[in-house]
Protein backbone atom coordinates (compact mmCIF):
# COMPACT_ATOMS: atom_id res chain seq x y z
CA MET A 1 -12.03 -37.90 40.62
CA ASP A 2 -15.76 -36.35 38.97
CA GLN A 3 -17.88 -34.10 39.88
CA GLN A 4 -20.19 -37.06 40.73
CA GLU A 5 -17.35 -38.72 42.69
CA LEU A 6 -16.42 -35.47 44.67
CA GLN A 7 -20.38 -34.77 45.45
CA ALA A 8 -20.16 -37.84 46.96
CA LEU A 9 -17.29 -37.71 49.05
CA VAL A 10 -18.37 -34.56 50.66
CA GLU A 11 -21.96 -36.01 51.27
CA ALA A 12 -19.61 -38.50 52.67
CA ILE A 13 -17.45 -36.83 55.06
CA SER A 14 -20.42 -34.46 56.10
CA LEU A 15 -22.31 -37.50 57.62
CA GLU A 16 -19.00 -38.98 59.18
CA LYS A 17 -16.85 -35.47 60.47
CA PHE A 18 -20.71 -33.32 61.50
CA GLY A 19 -23.73 -36.10 61.71
CA LYS A 20 -25.13 -33.64 59.33
CA ALA A 21 -26.25 -33.92 55.26
CA PHE A 22 -24.94 -32.11 52.47
CA ARG A 23 -27.79 -30.75 50.53
CA HIS A 24 -26.53 -28.44 48.01
CA LYS A 25 -23.66 -28.90 45.42
CA ALA A 26 -19.94 -29.85 45.46
CA THR A 27 -18.46 -28.94 42.78
CA PHE A 28 -14.24 -28.12 40.97
CA ASN A 29 -13.44 -25.00 39.85
CA HIS A 30 -10.04 -25.01 38.21
CA ARG A 31 -10.17 -21.14 38.13
CA LEU A 32 -9.03 -21.32 41.46
CA ARG A 33 -5.36 -19.93 42.33
CA THR A 34 -4.05 -19.21 45.81
CA THR A 35 -6.93 -21.60 48.01
CA GLY A 36 -7.81 -24.89 48.23
CA GLY A 37 -12.17 -24.48 48.39
CA ARG A 38 -14.66 -21.88 48.48
CA TYR A 39 -17.87 -21.66 50.57
CA MET A 40 -20.90 -19.48 48.95
CA LEU A 41 -23.45 -17.68 51.11
CA LYS A 42 -25.81 -17.18 49.52
CA THR A 43 -26.18 -20.55 47.07
CA HIS A 44 -24.41 -22.50 50.18
CA HIS A 45 -22.20 -24.51 47.21
CA LEU A 46 -18.89 -25.60 48.05
CA GLU A 47 -15.86 -25.08 45.08
CA PHE A 48 -12.83 -26.97 45.10
CA ASN A 49 -9.33 -26.63 43.46
CA PRO A 50 -8.96 -29.50 41.66
CA LEU A 51 -5.03 -28.81 41.99
CA GLN A 52 -5.40 -29.82 45.62
CA LEU A 53 -6.11 -33.16 44.89
CA THR A 54 -3.61 -33.69 42.17
CA THR A 55 -0.52 -32.22 44.31
CA TYR A 56 -1.20 -33.35 47.70
CA GLY A 57 -3.60 -36.17 47.44
CA LEU A 58 -6.69 -37.26 48.91
CA GLU A 59 -5.62 -36.79 52.79
CA GLU A 60 -5.09 -33.23 52.30
CA PHE A 61 -7.97 -32.58 50.11
CA LYS A 62 -10.69 -34.32 52.51
CA ARG A 63 -8.99 -32.01 55.35
CA ILE A 64 -10.13 -29.34 52.58
CA ILE A 65 -13.78 -30.20 52.37
CA ILE A 66 -13.68 -30.47 56.11
CA HIS A 67 -12.70 -27.08 56.13
CA GLU A 68 -15.27 -26.04 53.96
CA LEU A 69 -18.30 -27.95 55.35
CA CYS A 70 -17.35 -26.25 58.65
CA HIS A 71 -18.01 -22.97 56.69
CA TYR A 72 -21.56 -24.34 55.65
CA HIS A 73 -22.45 -25.77 58.73
CA LEU A 74 -22.39 -22.82 60.92
CA HIS A 75 -23.99 -21.23 58.25
CA LEU A 76 -26.39 -22.71 58.25
CA GLU A 77 -27.36 -22.76 62.00
CA GLY A 78 -27.05 -18.90 62.27
CA LYS A 79 -23.60 -19.12 64.06
CA GLY A 80 -19.95 -17.84 63.34
CA TYR A 81 -19.13 -19.16 60.37
CA ARG A 82 -15.78 -16.92 59.28
CA HIS A 83 -12.01 -18.00 59.99
CA GLY A 84 -11.77 -15.70 62.91
CA ASP A 85 -14.70 -16.44 65.31
CA ARG A 86 -14.22 -18.85 67.66
CA ASP A 87 -17.20 -20.95 66.75
CA PHE A 88 -15.65 -21.62 63.64
CA LYS A 89 -11.84 -22.30 65.09
CA GLU A 90 -13.32 -25.10 67.48
CA LEU A 91 -15.25 -26.44 65.25
CA LEU A 92 -12.61 -27.36 62.72
CA LYS A 93 -10.73 -27.98 65.94
CA THR A 94 -12.93 -31.06 66.49
CA THR A 95 -12.94 -32.01 63.30
CA GLY A 96 -9.53 -32.35 61.83
CA GLY A 97 -9.63 -29.49 59.21
CA THR A 98 -7.02 -27.90 57.81
CA ARG A 99 -6.26 -24.13 58.53
CA PHE A 100 -4.36 -23.10 56.00
CA CYS A 101 -4.07 -25.25 52.03
CA GLN A 102 -0.50 -25.16 51.08
CA SER A 103 0.72 -23.55 48.30
CA ILE A 104 0.93 -25.57 45.15
CA PRO A 105 4.32 -24.98 43.17
CA GLY A 106 4.48 -22.97 40.39
CA LEU A 107 1.84 -20.99 40.90
CA SER A 108 3.46 -18.67 43.09
CA ASN A 109 6.07 -17.34 40.72
CA ARG A 110 3.57 -14.72 39.07
CA THR A 111 4.45 -11.38 39.19
CA ARG A 112 2.83 -8.05 39.20
CA THR A 113 3.94 -4.61 37.32
CA ILE A 114 4.73 -1.26 39.47
CA TYR A 115 4.67 1.64 37.76
CA LEU A 116 6.60 4.65 38.63
CA TYR A 117 5.89 8.03 38.09
CA THR A 118 7.68 11.34 38.73
CA CYS A 119 6.38 15.09 38.97
CA LYS A 120 7.86 17.28 36.22
CA ASP A 121 8.11 20.22 38.48
CA CYS A 122 8.98 19.27 42.03
CA GLY A 123 11.00 15.45 41.24
CA ARG A 124 8.35 13.16 43.64
CA GLU A 125 7.76 10.20 42.76
CA TYR A 126 5.37 7.62 42.92
CA GLN A 127 4.62 3.80 42.75
CA ARG A 128 1.60 2.27 41.89
CA LYS A 129 -0.04 -0.84 40.93
CA ARG A 130 -2.29 0.21 37.88
CA LYS A 131 -1.45 2.38 35.40
CA VAL A 132 -2.52 6.44 35.79
CA ASP A 133 -4.14 8.25 33.60
CA ILE A 134 -0.77 11.13 33.14
CA LYS A 135 -3.09 13.14 31.68
CA LYS A 136 -6.09 13.73 33.79
CA TYR A 137 -4.07 13.34 36.94
CA VAL A 138 -1.26 15.57 38.49
CA CYS A 139 1.15 15.73 41.38
CA GLY A 140 -0.44 15.63 45.07
CA ILE A 141 2.02 18.54 46.26
CA CYS A 142 3.25 21.22 43.44
CA HIS A 143 -0.22 20.18 41.08
CA GLY A 144 2.54 19.98 37.89
CA ARG A 145 2.38 17.24 35.15
CA LEU A 146 3.23 13.37 35.73
CA SER A 147 5.68 11.90 33.58
CA LEU A 148 5.88 7.77 33.83
CA THR A 149 9.45 7.23 34.73
CA SER A 150 9.58 3.41 34.33
CA LYS A 151 7.64 -0.14 34.88
CA LEU A 152 9.13 -2.14 37.68
CA VAL A 153 8.34 -6.45 37.65
CA LYS A 154 8.28 -7.61 40.76
CA PRO A 155 7.71 -11.07 42.18
CA ARG A 156 4.20 -11.79 44.20
């Protein structure tokens, strides 16, 4: 499916399910990883993850389009367009959209590095997601110098 076919599909689903025209752009965004689609609040454009279409097929992809169109139409009407809002939940249920997209196999195997620091004076250990400048930061308890003890690699 190319960009023009996606645009036509989104416009058709909008008219069929909501009875309203979709007047903005719908595009594929290859950088999306953990989400099926995205509604842009400022521009009102929709972006979709092409891996959802290739992995799970057209029917599941249509449910993702309906989900994003719920955000779109509710936001333009000034109603509750966020996931937790009652308007959004009700419209999603009546139109048949999906609440959550399925995860794509192979993308969830990513890892995260955890840095473990130890105070040289009191021995307190600190776990951090980001690297800490040990020349600048000190222990929060005794103000002793920190040293990088280890780097742990954990799955996300």
